[in-house]
Amino acid sequence: MKKVLIVDDAATVRMYHRKLLEDAGFEVDEAINGYEALEKAYVNYYDLYIVDINMPQLDGYNFVKEIRSSESLKQSPVIMVSTEAEENDIEKAYKNGANFYIVKPVKPNEFIKICKLFSGEPYE
C-alpha cells in the first residue's frame, strides 16, 4: 500500500483528499503546514506528497525547496494542489521542484490517476 502525506492548512481539503485517496487504496497521513510536514518527512517514508501552496509558517513552495535540498528526500514525488491558477504560480511551483500541479477543486478520477502515476501504483 502506497503512503501519501497531505500537506494543507484547510481541514476540509485534507478530509476530502484523504477520502479520495483512502477509497483508492492509499494509506494517508496529514500535516497542517510545511514545518509539520518536514518533521514527518524526516521520520517517515512517503511515496507521494500532496502539497498546498498557501499555508502559515512554511508555505508549499518552501516545503518543496526544503525536501529537494535533502539527500534522503530529494527524489520524492510532489504534487502541488492549489487554488492559485496563474501561470506564474504554476511556473514557481515547478521551479521549486514540484513534479505536477493541479488547480483546486480536484476532479476525483483525474486526481487519483495522477496520484497513482506519481506514486508508482498501477492504475486500473
Foldseek 3Di string as FASTA:
>chain_A
DAEEEEEALDPVLLVVVCVLQVVVPYHYDYHNALVRVVVCVVVDPHLEYEAEADGPPHGPLRSLLVQCPDPVRNVRAYEYEYQDDDPVVQVSSVVSPHPYYHYPPDDSVVVNVVVCVSSVHDDD
